Amino acid sequence: QVQLLESGGGLVQAGGSLRLSCLASGLAFSMSTMAWFRQAPGKEREFVAAITRTPINTYYEDSVKGRFTISRDNAKTTVYLQMNSLKPEDTAVYYCAAGFFPGGSYRDTPHYYNYWGQGTQVTVSS
């Protein structure tokens, strides 16, 4: 049974930092593309960042480039999202997702991902 368990969300002031973690089990983690999506109230789920299997490549949504960093530790089957310089518009539920794509590529659309975590709330106050 595949499980993705997010942690690290919380309440932070604008300009602050948070690090999200997603512990994966029950899947071939090192072969997966891992991604973070987020969903704010009344909005659709949107792509934030993705990290491919080896050779590792990373991809970011434009609004988070230079502020967020995605990384993975295959030995710990964990993917991270370091979020710096947080803004109120980053407020959302953040979801971890896993997918398997040809050539170790990625997708920025939710329905391509096979597995999802339950989400963790990130709230940035102004």
PDB file of N, CA and C in Angstrom:
ATOM      1  N   GLN A   1       0.850  -1.189   0.000  1.00  0.00           N
ATOM      2  CA  GLN A   1       0.000   0.000   0.000  1.00  0.00           C
ATOM      3  C   GLN A   1       0.890   1.245   0.000  1.00  0.00           C
ATOM      4  N   VAL A   2       0.655   2.109  -0.970  1.00  0.00           N
ATOM      5  CA  VAL A   2       1.444   3.326  -1.073  1.00  0.00           C
ATOM      6  C   VAL A   2       0.915   4.366  -0.083  1.00  0.00           C
ATOM      7  N   GLN A   3       1.848   4.986   0.622  1.00  0.00           N
ATOM      8  CA  GLN A   3       1.487   6.076   1.528  1.00  0.00           C
ATOM      9  C   GLN A   3       2.462   7.222   1.339  1.00  0.00           C
ATOM     10  N   LEU A   4       1.922   8.431   1.300  1.00  0.00           N
ATOM     11  CA  LEU A   4       2.713   9.651   1.301  1.00  0.00           C
ATOM     12  C   LEU A   4       2.253  10.468   2.489  1.00  0.00           C
ATOM     13  N   LEU A   5       3.182  10.794   3.369  1.00  0.00           N
ATOM     14  CA  LEU A   5       2.834  11.482   4.607  1.00  0.00           C
ATOM     15  C   LEU A   5       3.583  12.799   4.689  1.00  0.00           C
ATOM     16  N   GLU A   6       2.847  13.904   4.552  1.00  0.00           N
ATOM     17  CA  GLU A   6       3.447  15.235   4.630  1.00  0.00           C
ATOM     18  C   GLU A   6       3.521  15.716   6.067  1.00  0.00           C
ATOM     19  N   SER A   7       4.497  16.568   6.322  1.00  0.00           N
ATOM     20  CA  SER A   7       4.617  17.228   7.614  1.00  0.00           C
ATOM     21  C   SER A   7       5.363  18.536   7.413  1.00  0.00           C
ATOM     22  N   GLY A   8       5.327  19.381   8.443  1.00  0.00           N
ATOM     23  CA  GLY A   8       6.101  20.613   8.414  1.00  0.00           C
ATOM     24  C   GLY A   8       5.316  21.877   8.154  1.00  0.00           C
ATOM     25  N   GLY A   9       4.031  21.750   7.892  1.00  0.00           N
ATOM     26  CA  GLY A   9       3.240  22.949   7.676  1.00  0.00           C
ATOM     27  C   GLY A   9       3.021  23.715   8.969  1.00  0.00           C
ATOM     28  N   GLY A  10       2.427  24.901   8.848  1.00  0.00           N
ATOM     29  CA  GLY A  10       2.162  25.692  10.027  1.00  0.00           C
ATOM     30  C   GLY A  10       1.870  27.131   9.688  1.00  0.00           C
ATOM     31  N   LEU A  11       1.890  27.964  10.715  1.00  0.00           N
ATOM     32  CA  LEU A  11       1.638  29.399  10.579  1.00  0.00           C
ATOM     33  C   LEU A  11       2.961  30.140  10.681  1.00  0.00           C
ATOM     34  N   VAL A  12       3.212  31.021   9.726  1.00  0.00           N
ATOM     35  CA  VAL A  12       4.462  31.779   9.707  1.00  0.00           C
ATOM     36  C   VAL A  12       4.172  33.190   9.216  1.00  0.00           C
ATOM     37  N   GLN A  13       4.975  34.137   9.661  1.00  0.00           N
ATOM     38  CA  GLN A  13       4.818  35.508   9.189  1.00  0.00           C
ATOM     39  C   GLN A  13       5.444  35.666   7.804  1.00  0.00           C
ATOM     40  N   ALA A  14       4.968  36.646   7.086  1.00  0.00           N
ATOM     41  CA  ALA A  14       5.535  36.947   5.776  1.00  0.00           C
ATOM     42  C   ALA A  14       7.038  37.183   5.909  1.00  0.00           C
ATOM     43  N   GLY A  15       7.784  36.615   4.949  1.00  0.00           N
ATOM     44  CA  GLY A  15       9.242  36.696   5.003  1.00  0.00           C
ATOM     45  C   GLY A  15       9.895  35.527   5.705  1.00  0.00           C
ATOM     46  N   GLY A  16       9.099  34.733   6.378  1.00  0.00           N
ATOM     47  CA  GLY A  16       9.629  33.599   7.120  1.00  0.00           C
ATOM     48  C   GLY A  16       9.853  32.378   6.246  1.00  0.00           C
ATOM     49  N   SER A  17      10.236  31.284   6.906  1.00  0.00           N
ATOM     50  CA  SER A  17      10.566  30.046   6.201  1.00  0.00           C
ATOM     51  C   SER A  17       9.874  28.844   6.842  1.00  0.00           C
ATOM     52  N   LEU A  18       9.639  27.839   6.019  1.00  0.00           N
ATOM     53  CA  LEU A  18       9.148  26.547   6.474  1.00  0.00           C
ATOM     54  C   LEU A  18       9.793  25.478   5.609  1.00  0.00           C
ATOM     55  N   ARG A  19       9.951  24.287   6.168  1.00  0.00           N
ATOM     56  CA  ARG A  19      10.402  23.151   5.373  1.00  0.00           C
ATOM     57  C   ARG A  19       9.373  22.035   5.475  1.00  0.00           C
ATOM     58  N   LEU A  20       8.816  21.682   4.342  1.00  0.00           N
ATOM     59  CA  LEU A  20       7.876  20.572   4.283  1.00  0.00           C
ATOM     60  C   LEU A  20       8.623  19.279   3.985  1.00  0.00           C
ATOM     61  N   SER A  21       8.132  18.189   4.552  1.00  0.00           N
ATOM     62  CA  SER A  21       8.690  16.865   4.285  1.00  0.00           C
ATOM     63  C   SER A  21       7.569  15.942   3.832  1.00  0.00           C
ATOM     64  N   CYS A  22       7.915  14.981   3.022  1.00  0.00           N
ATOM     65  CA  CYS A  22       6.950  13.973   2.566  1.00  0.00           C
ATOM     66  C   CYS A  22       7.649  12.621   2.606  1.00  0.00           C
ATOM     67  N   LEU A  23       7.213  11.793   3.530  1.00  0.00           N
ATOM     68  CA  LEU A  23       7.777  10.445   3.681  1.00  0.00           C
ATOM     69  C   LEU A  23       6.946   9.472   2.863  1.00  0.00           C
ATOM     70  N   ALA A  24       7.600   8.774   1.945  1.00  0.00           N
ATOM     71  CA  ALA A  24       6.912   7.843   1.062  1.00  0.00           C
ATOM     72  C   ALA A  24       7.199   6.399   1.454  1.00  0.00           C
ATOM     73  N   SER A  25       6.210   5.541   1.286  1.00  0.00           N
ATOM     74  CA  SER A  25       6.385   4.115   1.513  1.00  0.00           C
ATOM     75  C   SER A  25       5.528   3.335   0.531  1.00  0.00           C
ATOM     76  N   GLY A  26       5.954   2.092   0.262  1.00  0.00           N
ATOM     77  CA  GLY A  26       5.156   1.223  -0.596  1.00  0.00           C
ATOM     78  C   GLY A  26       5.317   1.451  -2.084  1.00  0.00           C
ATOM     79  N   LEU A  27       6.322   2.227  -2.488  1.00  0.00           N
ATOM     80  CA  LEU A  27       6.554   2.446  -3.917  1.00  0.00           C
ATOM     81  C   LEU A  27       8.047   2.485  -4.198  1.00  0.00           C
ATOM     82  N   ALA A  28       8.390   2.351  -5.478  1.00  0.00           N
ATOM     83  CA  ALA A  28       9.790   2.419  -5.895  1.00  0.00           C
ATOM     84  C   ALA A  28      10.223   3.879  -5.906  1.00  0.00           C
ATOM     85  N   PHE A  29      10.541   4.373  -4.718  1.00  0.00           N
ATOM     86  CA  PHE A  29      10.757   5.819  -4.550  1.00  0.00           C
ATOM     87  C   PHE A  29      11.849   6.344  -5.464  1.00  0.00           C
ATOM     88  N   SER A  30      12.964   5.644  -5.558  1.00  0.00           N
ATOM     89  CA  SER A  30      14.086   6.163  -6.339  1.00  0.00           C
ATOM     90  C   SER A  30      13.769   6.265  -7.823  1.00  0.00           C
ATOM     91  N   MET A  31      12.744   5.567  -8.275  1.00  0.00           N
ATOM     92  CA  MET A  31      12.362   5.594  -9.683  1.00  0.00           C
ATOM     93  C   MET A  31      11.269   6.630  -9.960  1.00  0.00           C
ATOM     94  N   SER A  32      10.778   7.265  -8.944  1.00  0.00           N
ATOM     95  CA  SER A  32       9.625   8.142  -9.089  1.00  0.00           C
ATOM     96  C   SER A  32      10.026   9.583  -9.349  1.00  0.00           C
ATOM     97  N   THR A  33       9.126  10.303  -9.977  1.00  0.00           N
ATOM     98  CA  THR A  33       9.152  11.765  -9.958  1.00  0.00           C
ATOM     99  C   THR A  33       8.278  12.200  -8.795  1.00  0.00           C
ATOM    100  N   MET A  34       8.818  13.054  -7.957  1.00  0.00           N
ATOM    101  CA  MET A  34       8.076  13.561  -6.802  1.00  0.00           C
ATOM    102  C   MET A  34       7.759  15.037  -7.027  1.00  0.00           C
ATOM    103  N   ALA A  35       6.584  15.441  -6.601  1.00  0.00           N
ATOM    104  CA  ALA A  35       6.162  16.815  -6.836  1.00  0.00           C
ATOM    105  C   ALA A  35       5.407  17.359  -5.634  1.00  0.00           C
ATOM    106  N   TRP A  36       5.365  18.666  -5.557  1.00  0.00           N
ATOM    107  CA  TRP A  36       4.525  19.382  -4.607  1.00  0.00           C
ATOM    108  C   TRP A  36       3.510  20.203  -5.395  1.00  0.00           C
ATOM    109  N   PHE A  37       2.273  20.119  -4.969  1.00  0.00           N
ATOM    110  CA  PHE A  37       1.191  20.950  -5.466  1.00  0.00           C
ATOM    111  C   PHE A  37       0.598  21.701  -4.281  1.00  0.00           C
ATOM    112  N   ARG A  38      -0.188  22.720  -4.565  1.00  0.00           N
ATOM    113  CA  ARG A  38      -0.883  23.429  -3.506  1.00  0.00           C
ATOM    114  C   ARG A  38      -2.268  23.828  -3.973  1.00  0.00           C
ATOM    115  N   GLN A  39      -3.143  23.989  -2.991  1.00  0.00           N
ATOM    116  CA  GLN A  39      -4.514  24.376  -3.293  1.00  0.00           C
ATOM    117  C   GLN A  39      -4.998  25.368  -2.250  1.00  0.00           C
ATOM    118  N   ALA A  40      -5.311  26.567  -2.719  1.00  0.00           N
ATOM    119  CA  ALA A  40      -5.864  27.601  -1.859  1.00  0.00           C
ATOM    120  C   ALA A  40      -7.387  27.514  -1.912  1.00  0.00           C
ATOM    121  N   PRO A  41      -8.072  28.041  -0.896  1.00  0.00           N
ATOM    122  CA  PRO A  41      -9.542  27.981  -0.877  1.00  0.00           C
ATOM    123  C   PRO A  41     -10.151  28.590  -2.135  1.00  0.00           C
ATOM    124  N   GLY A  42     -11.053  27.871  -2.761  1.00  0.00           N
ATOM    125  CA  GLY A  42     -11.743  28.369  -3.940  1.00  0.00           C
ATOM    126  C   GLY A  42     -10.935  28.322  -5.215  1.00  0.00           C
ATOM    127  N   LYS A  43      -9.741  27.751  -5.153  1.00  0.00           N
ATOM    128  CA  LYS A  43      -8.890  27.694  -6.335  1.00  0.00           C
ATOM    129  C   LYS A  43      -8.579  26.244  -6.697  1.00  0.00           C
ATOM    130  N   GLU A  44      -8.121  26.046  -7.918  1.00  0.00           N
ATOM    131  CA  GLU A  44      -7.724  24.722  -8.356  1.00  0.00           C
ATOM    132  C   GLU A  44      -6.344  24.376  -7.795  1.00  0.00           C
ATOM    133  N   ARG A  45      -6.103  23.078  -7.729  1.00  0.00           N
ATOM    134  CA  ARG A  45      -4.785  22.619  -7.284  1.00  0.00           C
ATOM    135  C   ARG A  45      -3.745  23.004  -8.335  1.00  0.00           C
ATOM    136  N   GLU A  46      -2.623  23.585  -7.893  1.00  0.00           N
ATOM    137  CA  GLU A  46      -1.628  24.056  -8.830  1.00  0.00           C
ATOM    138  C   GLU A  46      -0.251  23.485  -8.530  1.00  0.00           C
ATOM    139  N   PHE A  47       0.530  23.353  -9.574  1.00  0.00           N
ATOM    140  CA  PHE A  47       1.891  22.850  -9.495  1.00  0.00           C
ATOM    141  C   PHE A  47       2.790  23.835  -8.766  1.00  0.00           C
ATOM    142  N   VAL A  48       3.666  23.307  -7.915  1.00  0.00           N
ATOM    143  CA  VAL A  48       4.647  24.139  -7.217  1.00  0.00           C
ATOM    144  C   VAL A  48       6.062  23.778  -7.661  1.00  0.00           C
ATOM    145  N   ALA A  49       6.408  22.481  -7.545  1.00  0.00           N
ATOM    146  CA  ALA A  49       7.766  22.058  -7.865  1.00  0.00           C
ATOM    147  C   ALA A  49       7.789  20.556  -8.083  1.00  0.00           C
ATOM    148  N   ALA A  50       8.787  20.096  -8.840  1.00  0.00           N
ATOM    149  CA  ALA A  50       8.968  18.670  -9.070  1.00  0.00           C
ATOM    150  C   ALA A  50      10.446  18.333  -9.109  1.00  0.00           C
ATOM    151  N   ILE A  51      10.751  17.094  -8.750  1.00  0.00           N
ATOM    152  CA  ILE A  51      12.118  16.593  -8.796  1.00  0.00           C
ATOM    153  C   ILE A  51      12.088  15.196  -9.397  1.00  0.00           C
ATOM    154  N   THR A  52      12.929  14.979 -10.411  1.00  0.00           N
ATOM    155  CA  THR A  52      12.900  13.709 -11.112  1.00  0.00           C
ATOM    156  C   THR A  52      13.831  12.705 -10.454  1.00  0.00           C
ATOM    157  N   ARG A  53      13.771  11.467 -10.952  1.00  0.00           N
ATOM    158  CA  ARG A  53      14.751  10.457 -10.532  1.00  0.00           C
ATOM    159  C   ARG A  53      16.098  10.834 -11.136  1.00  0.00           C
ATOM    160  N   THR A  54      17.146  10.066 -10.761  1.00  0.00           N
ATOM    161  CA  THR A  54      18.481  10.297 -11.273  1.00  0.00           C
ATOM    162  C   THR A  54      18.540  10.069 -12.779  1.00  0.00           C
ATOM    163  N   PRO A  55      19.195  10.890 -13.585  1.00  0.00           N
ATOM    164  CA  PRO A  55      19.826  12.171 -13.217  1.00  0.00           C
ATOM    165  C   PRO A  55      18.774  13.194 -12.805  1.00  0.00           C
ATOM    166  N   ILE A  56      18.998  13.771 -11.644  1.00  0.00           N
ATOM    167  CA  ILE A  56      17.985  14.629 -11.040  1.00  0.00           C
ATOM    168  C   ILE A  56      17.869  15.956 -11.774  1.00  0.00           C
ATOM    169  N   ASN A  57      16.632  16.321 -12.042  1.00  0.00           N
ATOM    170  CA  ASN A  57      16.300  17.650 -12.529  1.00  0.00           C
ATOM    171  C   ASN A  57      15.179  18.201 -11.650  1.00  0.00           C
ATOM    172  N   THR A  58      15.180  19.505 -11.494  1.00  0.00           N
ATOM    173  CA  THR A  58      14.140  20.150 -10.701  1.00  0.00           C
ATOM    174  C   THR A  58      13.418  21.195 -11.539  1.00  0.00           C
ATOM    175  N   TYR A  59      12.150  21.389 -11.210  1.00  0.00           N
ATOM    176  CA  TYR A  59      11.289  22.310 -11.951  1.00  0.00           C
ATOM    177  C   TYR A  59      10.439  23.074 -10.950  1.00  0.00           C
ATOM    178  N   TYR A  60      10.167  24.339 -11.269  1.00  0.00           N
ATOM    179  CA  TYR A  60       9.422  25.191 -10.352  1.00  0.00           C
ATOM    180  C   TYR A  60       8.389  26.025 -11.103  1.00  0.00           C
ATOM    181  N   GLU A  61       7.312  26.288 -10.401  1.00  0.00           N
ATOM    182  CA  GLU A  61       6.343  27.265 -10.877  1.00  0.00           C
ATOM    183  C   GLU A  61       6.980  28.636 -10.775  1.00  0.00           C
ATOM    184  N   ASP A  62       6.673  29.519 -11.705  1.00  0.00           N
ATOM    185  CA  ASP A  62       7.393  30.788 -11.797  1.00  0.00           C
ATOM    186  C   ASP A  62       7.354  31.599 -10.506  1.00  0.00           C
ATOM    187  N   SER A  63       6.234  31.626  -9.813  1.00  0.00           N
ATOM    188  CA  SER A  63       6.102  32.499  -8.643  1.00  0.00           C
ATOM    189  C   SER A  63       6.946  32.034  -7.455  1.00  0.00           C
ATOM    190  N   VAL A  64       7.454  30.800  -7.488  1.00  0.00           N
ATOM    191  CA  VAL A  64       8.243  30.303  -6.356  1.00  0.00           C
ATOM    192  C   VAL A  64       9.724  30.176  -6.699  1.00  0.00           C
ATOM    193  N   LYS A  65      10.081  30.403  -7.945  1.00  0.00           N
ATOM    194  CA  LYS A  65      11.488  30.298  -8.337  1.00  0.00           C
ATOM    195  C   LYS A  65      12.341  31.263  -7.530  1.00  0.00           C
ATOM    196  N   GLY A  66      13.469  30.762  -7.031  1.00  0.00           N
ATOM    197  CA  GLY A  66      14.358  31.586  -6.226  1.00  0.00           C
ATOM    198  C   GLY A  66      13.973  31.652  -4.765  1.00  0.00           C
ATOM    199  N   ARG A  67      12.774  31.171  -4.418  1.00  0.00           N
ATOM    200  CA  ARG A  67      12.332  31.179  -3.008  1.00  0.00           C
ATOM    201  C   ARG A  67      12.184  29.768  -2.459  1.00  0.00           C
ATOM    202  N   PHE A  68      11.732  28.834  -3.292  1.00  0.00           N
ATOM    203  CA  PHE A  68      11.502  27.447  -2.863  1.00  0.00           C
ATOM    204  C   PHE A  68      12.563  26.538  -3.465  1.00  0.00           C
ATOM    205  N   THR A  69      12.914  25.493  -2.729  1.00  0.00           N
ATOM    206  CA  THR A  69      13.855  24.490  -3.214  1.00  0.00           C
ATOM    207  C   THR A  69      13.314  23.104  -2.902  1.00  0.00           C
ATOM    208  N   ILE A  70      13.212  22.281  -3.937  1.00  0.00           N
ATOM    209  CA  ILE A  70      12.787  20.901  -3.756  1.00  0.00           C
ATOM    210  C   ILE A  70      14.024  20.010  -3.759  1.00  0.00           C
ATOM    211  N   SER A  71      14.017  19.006  -2.890  1.00  0.00           N
ATOM    212  CA  SER A  71      15.124  18.064  -2.819  1.00  0.00           C
ATOM    213  C   SER A  71      14.590  16.699  -2.407  1.00  0.00           C
ATOM    214  N   ARG A  72      15.421  15.680  -2.560  1.00  0.00           N
ATOM    215  CA  ARG A  72      14.992  14.334  -2.184  1.00  0.00           C
ATOM    216  C   ARG A  72      16.152  13.579  -1.555  1.00  0.00           C
ATOM    217  N   ASP A  73      15.803  12.639  -0.675  1.00  0.00           N
ATOM    218  CA  ASP A  73      16.765  11.735  -0.065  1.00  0.00           C
ATOM    219  C   ASP A  73      16.243  10.330  -0.316  1.00  0.00           C
ATOM    220  N   ASN A  74      16.807   9.647  -1.302  1.00  0.00           N
ATOM    221  CA  ASN A  74      16.283   8.325  -1.657  1.00  0.00           C
ATOM    222  C   ASN A  74      16.485   7.306  -0.541  1.00  0.00           C
ATOM    223  N   ALA A  75      17.560   7.444   0.225  1.00  0.00           N
ATOM    224  CA  ALA A  75      17.796   6.516   1.327  1.00  0.00           C
ATOM    225  C   ALA A  75      16.710   6.633   2.391  1.00  0.00           C
ATOM    226  N   LYS A  76      16.166   7.823   2.545  1.00  0.00           N
ATOM    227  CA  LYS A  76      15.107   8.054   3.532  1.00  0.00           C
ATOM    228  C   LYS A  76      13.726   8.064   2.896  1.00  0.00           C
ATOM    229  N   THR A  77      13.649   7.825   1.612  1.00  0.00           N
ATOM    230  CA  THR A  77      12.393   7.883   0.824  1.00  0.00           C
ATOM    231  C   THR A  77      11.585   9.124   1.192  1.00  0.00           C
ATOM    232  N   THR A  78      12.257  10.252   1.191  1.00  0.00           N
ATOM    233  CA  THR A  78      11.636  11.511   1.612  1.00  0.00           C
ATOM    234  C   THR A  78      11.953  12.596   0.598  1.00  0.00           C
ATOM    235  N   VAL A  79      10.957  13.413   0.318  1.00  0.00           N
ATOM    236  CA  VAL A  79      11.138  14.596  -0.502  1.00  0.00           C
ATOM    237  C   VAL A  79      10.840  15.815   0.364  1.00  0.00           C
ATOM    238  N   TYR A  80      11.581  16.888   0.112  1.00  0.00           N
ATOM    239  CA  TYR A  80      11.474  18.095   0.915  1.00  0.00           C
ATOM    240  C   TYR A  80      11.108  19.283   0.037  1.00  0.00           C
ATOM    241  N   LEU A  81      10.497  20.269   0.680  1.00  0.00           N
ATOM    242  CA  LEU A  81      10.280  21.559   0.031  1.00  0.00           C
ATOM    243  C   LEU A  81      10.685  22.641   1.030  1.00  0.00           C
ATOM    244  N   GLN A  82      11.826  23.243   0.774  1.00  0.00           N
ATOM    245  CA  GLN A  82      12.281  24.378   1.591  1.00  0.00           C
ATOM    246  C   GLN A  82      11.661  25.645   1.025  1.00  0.00           C
ATOM    247  N   MET A  83      10.916  26.338   1.859  1.00  0.00           N
ATOM    248  CA  MET A  83      10.201  27.534   1.421  1.00  0.00           C
ATOM    249  C   MET A  83      10.735  28.727   2.192  1.00  0.00           C
ATOM    250  N   ASN A  84      11.339  29.653   1.487  1.00  0.00           N
ATOM    251  CA  ASN A  84      11.880  30.880   2.078  1.00  0.00           C
ATOM    252  C   ASN A  84      11.143  32.094   1.548  1.00  0.00           C
ATOM    253  N   SER A  85      11.310  33.202   2.223  1.00  0.00           N
ATOM    254  CA  SER A  85      10.676  34.461   1.806  1.00  0.00           C
ATOM    255  C   SER A  85       9.197  34.261   1.515  1.00  0.00           C
ATOM    256  N   LEU A  86       8.523  33.624   2.431  1.00  0.00           N
ATOM    257  CA  LEU A  86       7.118  33.291   2.217  1.00  0.00           C
ATOM    258  C   LEU A  86       6.258  34.544   2.146  1.00  0.00           C
ATOM    259  N   LYS A  87       5.220  34.445   1.317  1.00  0.00           N
ATOM    260  CA  LYS A  87       4.292  35.547   1.096  1.00  0.00           C
ATOM    261  C   LYS A  87       2.873  35.086   1.464  1.00  0.00           C
ATOM    262  N   PRO A  88       1.998  36.025   1.786  1.00  0.00           N
ATOM    263  CA  PRO A  88       0.617  35.625   2.094  1.00  0.00           C
ATOM    264  C   PRO A  88      -0.027  34.812   0.969  1.00  0.00           C
ATOM    265  N   GLU A  89       0.330  35.098  -0.267  1.00  0.00           N
ATOM    266  CA  GLU A  89      -0.259  34.358  -1.391  1.00  0.00           C
ATOM    267  C   GLU A  89       0.243  32.924  -1.487  1.00  0.00           C
ATOM    268  N   ASP A  90       1.214  32.543  -0.672  1.00  0.00           N
ATOM    269  CA  ASP A  90       1.646  31.148  -0.610  1.00  0.00           C
ATOM    270  C   ASP A  90       0.738  30.320   0.301  1.00  0.00           C
ATOM    271  N   THR A  91      -0.178  30.966   0.972  1.00  0.00           N
ATOM    272  CA  THR A  91      -1.095  30.262   1.861  1.00  0.00           C
ATOM    273  C   THR A  91      -1.933  29.252   1.085  1.00  0.00           C
ATOM    274  N   ALA A  92      -1.889  28.003   1.518  1.00  0.00           N
ATOM    275  CA  ALA A  92      -2.604  26.926   0.825  1.00  0.00           C
ATOM    276  C   ALA A  92      -2.388  25.624   1.583  1.00  0.00           C
ATOM    277  N   VAL A  93      -3.127  24.610   1.169  1.00  0.00           N
ATOM    278  CA  VAL A  93      -2.803  23.242   1.572  1.00  0.00           C
ATOM    279  C   VAL A  93      -1.795  22.704   0.560  1.00  0.00           C
ATOM    280  N   TYR A  94      -0.687  22.202   1.054  1.00  0.00           N
ATOM    281  CA  TYR A  94       0.369  21.683   0.189  1.00  0.00           C
ATOM    282  C   TYR A  94       0.311  20.159   0.170  1.00  0.00           C
ATOM    283  N   TYR A  95       0.332  19.616  -1.053  1.00  0.00           N
ATOM    284  CA  TYR A  95       0.223  18.177  -1.256  1.00  0.00           C
ATOM    285  C   TYR A  95       1.484  17.633  -1.907  1.00  0.00           C
ATOM    286  N   CYS A  96       1.906  16.487  -1.439  1.00  0.00           N
ATOM    287  CA  CYS A  96       2.987  15.722  -2.040  1.00  0.00           C
ATOM    288  C   CYS A  96       2.371  14.723  -3.016  1.00  0.00           C
ATOM    289  N   ALA A  97       3.036  14.521  -4.161  1.00  0.00           N
ATOM    290  CA  ALA A  97       2.529  13.589  -5.164  1.00  0.00           C
ATOM    291  C   ALA A  97       3.680  12.795  -5.763  1.00  0.00           C
ATOM    292  N   ALA A  98       3.365  11.578  -6.179  1.00  0.00           N
ATOM    293  CA  ALA A  98       4.358  10.695  -6.807  1.00  0.00           C
ATOM    294  C   ALA A  98       3.824  10.206  -8.139  1.00  0.00           C
ATOM    295  N   GLY A  99       4.714  10.168  -9.130  1.00  0.00           N
ATOM    296  CA  GLY A  99       4.349   9.668 -10.448  1.00  0.00           C
ATOM    297  C   GLY A  99       5.521   8.965 -11.100  1.00  0.00           C
ATOM    298  N   PHE A 100       5.211   8.214 -12.122  1.00  0.00           N
ATOM    299  CA  PHE A 100       6.235   7.488 -12.871  1.00  0.00           C
ATOM    300  C   PHE A 100       6.055   7.825 -14.344  1.00  0.00           C
ATOM    301  N   PHE A 101       7.074   8.477 -14.911  1.00  0.00           N
ATOM    302  CA  PHE A 101       6.952   9.008 -16.266  1.00  0.00           C
ATOM    303  C   PHE A 101       8.100   8.517 -17.132  1.00  0.00           C
ATOM    304  N   PRO A 102       7.857   8.377 -18.432  1.00  0.00           N
ATOM    305  CA  PRO A 102       8.918   7.917 -19.341  1.00  0.00           C
ATOM    306  C   PRO A 102      10.131   8.824 -19.287  1.00  0.00           C
ATOM    307  N   GLY A 103      11.298   8.204 -19.269  1.00  0.00           N
ATOM    308  CA  GLY A 103      12.526   8.979 -19.281  1.00  0.00           C
ATOM    309  C   GLY A 103      12.760   9.776 -18.019  1.00  0.00           C
ATOM    310  N   GLY A 104      12.012   9.478 -16.960  1.00  0.00           N
ATOM    311  CA  GLY A 104      12.199  10.214 -15.720  1.00  0.00           C
ATOM    312  C   GLY A 104      11.829  11.674 -15.831  1.00  0.00           C
ATOM    313  N   SER A 105      10.837  11.978 -16.637  1.00  0.00           N
ATOM    314  CA  SER A 105      10.422  13.362 -16.820  1.00  0.00           C
ATOM    315  C   SER A 105       9.431  13.757 -15.726  1.00  0.00           C
ATOM    316  N   TYR A 106       8.734  14.873 -15.936  1.00  0.00           N
ATOM    317  CA  TYR A 106       7.776  15.316 -14.942  1.00  0.00           C
ATOM    318  C   TYR A 106       6.548  15.848 -15.660  1.00  0.00           C
ATOM    319  N   ARG A 107       5.506  16.076 -14.875  1.00  0.00           N
ATOM    320  CA  ARG A 107       4.288  16.706 -15.365  1.00  0.00           C
ATOM    321  C   ARG A 107       3.894  17.791 -14.372  1.00  0.00           C
ATOM    322  N   ASP A 108       3.251  18.857 -14.870  1.00  0.00           N
ATOM    323  CA  ASP A 108       2.817  19.927 -13.976  1.00  0.00           C
ATOM    324  C   ASP A 108       1.299  19.954 -13.816  1.00  0.00           C
ATOM    325  N   THR A 109       0.658  18.854 -14.164  1.00  0.00           N
ATOM    326  CA  THR A 109      -0.794  18.746 -14.060  1.00  0.00           C
ATOM    327  C   THR A 109      -1.143  17.637 -13.086  1.00  0.00           C
ATOM    328  N   PRO A 110      -2.013  17.883 -12.117  1.00  0.00           N
ATOM    329  CA  PRO A 110      -2.255  16.901 -11.053  1.00  0.00           C
ATOM    330  C   PRO A 110      -2.677  15.520 -11.524  1.00  0.00           C
ATOM    331  N   HIS A 111      -3.506  15.430 -12.562  1.00  0.00           N
ATOM    332  CA  HIS A 111      -4.090  14.129 -12.885  1.00  0.00           C
ATOM    333  C   HIS A 111      -3.078  13.135 -13.427  1.00  0.00           C
ATOM    334  N   TYR A 112      -1.854  13.572 -13.735  1.00  0.00           N
ATOM    335  CA  TYR A 112      -0.830  12.632 -14.185  1.00  0.00           C
ATOM    336  C   TYR A 112      -0.169  11.882 -13.029  1.00  0.00           C
ATOM    337  N   TYR A 113      -0.392  12.336 -11.809  1.00  0.00           N
ATOM    338  CA  TYR A 113       0.279  11.728 -10.660  1.00  0.00           C
ATOM    339  C   TYR A 113      -0.604  10.648 -10.039  1.00  0.00           C
ATOM    340  N   ASN A 114       0.036   9.519  -9.729  1.00  0.00           N
ATOM    341  CA  ASN A 114      -0.700   8.346  -9.287  1.00  0.00           C
ATOM    342  C   ASN A 114      -1.039   8.381  -7.797  1.00  0.00           C
ATOM    343  N   TYR A 115      -0.163   8.971  -7.003  1.00  0.00           N
ATOM    344  CA  TYR A 115      -0.299   8.873  -5.556  1.00  0.00           C
ATOM    345  C   TYR A 115      -0.200  10.254  -4.917  1.00  0.00           C
ATOM    346  N   TRP A 116      -0.985  10.424  -3.847  1.00  0.00           N
ATOM    347  CA  TRP A 116      -1.085  11.720  -3.177  1.00  0.00           C
ATOM    348  C   TRP A 116      -1.059  11.549  -1.662  1.00  0.00           C
ATOM    349  N   GLY A 117      -0.487  12.561  -1.004  1.00  0.00           N
ATOM    350  CA  GLY A 117      -0.594  12.630   0.439  1.00  0.00           C
ATOM    351  C   GLY A 117      -1.879  13.325   0.842  1.00  0.00           C
ATOM    352  N   GLN A 118      -2.058  13.453   2.156  1.00  0.00           N
ATOM    353  CA  GLN A 118      -3.294  14.042   2.686  1.00  0.00           C
ATOM    354  C   GLN A 118      -3.244  15.564   2.740  1.00  0.00           C
ATOM    355  N   GLY A 119      -2.057  16.126   2.585  1.00  0.00           N
ATOM    356  CA  GLY A 119      -1.914  17.575   2.589  1.00  0.00           C
ATOM    357  C   GLY A 119      -1.499  18.127   3.936  1.00  0.00           C
ATOM    358  N   THR A 120      -0.814  19.258   3.905  1.00  0.00           N
ATOM    359  CA  THR A 120      -0.431  19.968   5.115  1.00  0.00           C
ATOM    360  C   THR A 120      -0.682  21.458   4.899  1.00  0.00           C
ATOM    361  N   GLN A 121      -1.275  22.096   5.893  1.00  0.00           N
ATOM    362  CA  GLN A 121      -1.670  23.496   5.763  1.00  0.00           C
ATOM    363  C   GLN A 121      -0.478  24.417   5.992  1.00  0.00           C
ATOM    364  N   VAL A 122      -0.308  25.370   5.090  1.00  0.00           N
ATOM    365  CA  VAL A 122       0.673  26.444   5.245  1.00  0.00           C
ATOM    366  C   VAL A 122      -0.089  27.760   5.233  1.00  0.00           C
ATOM    367  N   THR A 123       0.079  28.529   6.295  1.00  0.00           N
ATOM    368  CA  THR A 123      -0.580  29.822   6.407  1.00  0.00           C
ATOM    369  C   THR A 123       0.473  30.886   6.634  1.00  0.00           C
ATOM    370  N   VAL A 124       0.478  31.895   5.765  1.00  0.00           N
ATOM    371  CA  VAL A 124       1.449  32.983   5.860  1.00  0.00           C
ATOM    372  C   VAL A 124       0.684  34.260   6.199  1.00  0.00           C
ATOM    373  N   SER A 125       0.984  34.833   7.337  1.00  0.00           N
ATOM    374  CA  SER A 125       0.291  36.051   7.770  1.00  0.00           C
ATOM    375  C   SER A 125       1.068  37.286   7.313  1.00  0.00           C
ATOM    376  N   SER A 126       0.330  38.340   7.043  1.00  0.00           N
ATOM    377  CA  SER A 126       0.964  39.588   6.563  1.00  0.00           C
ATOM    378  C   SER A 126       1.343  40.498   7.709  1.00  0.00           C
TER     379      SER A 126
END
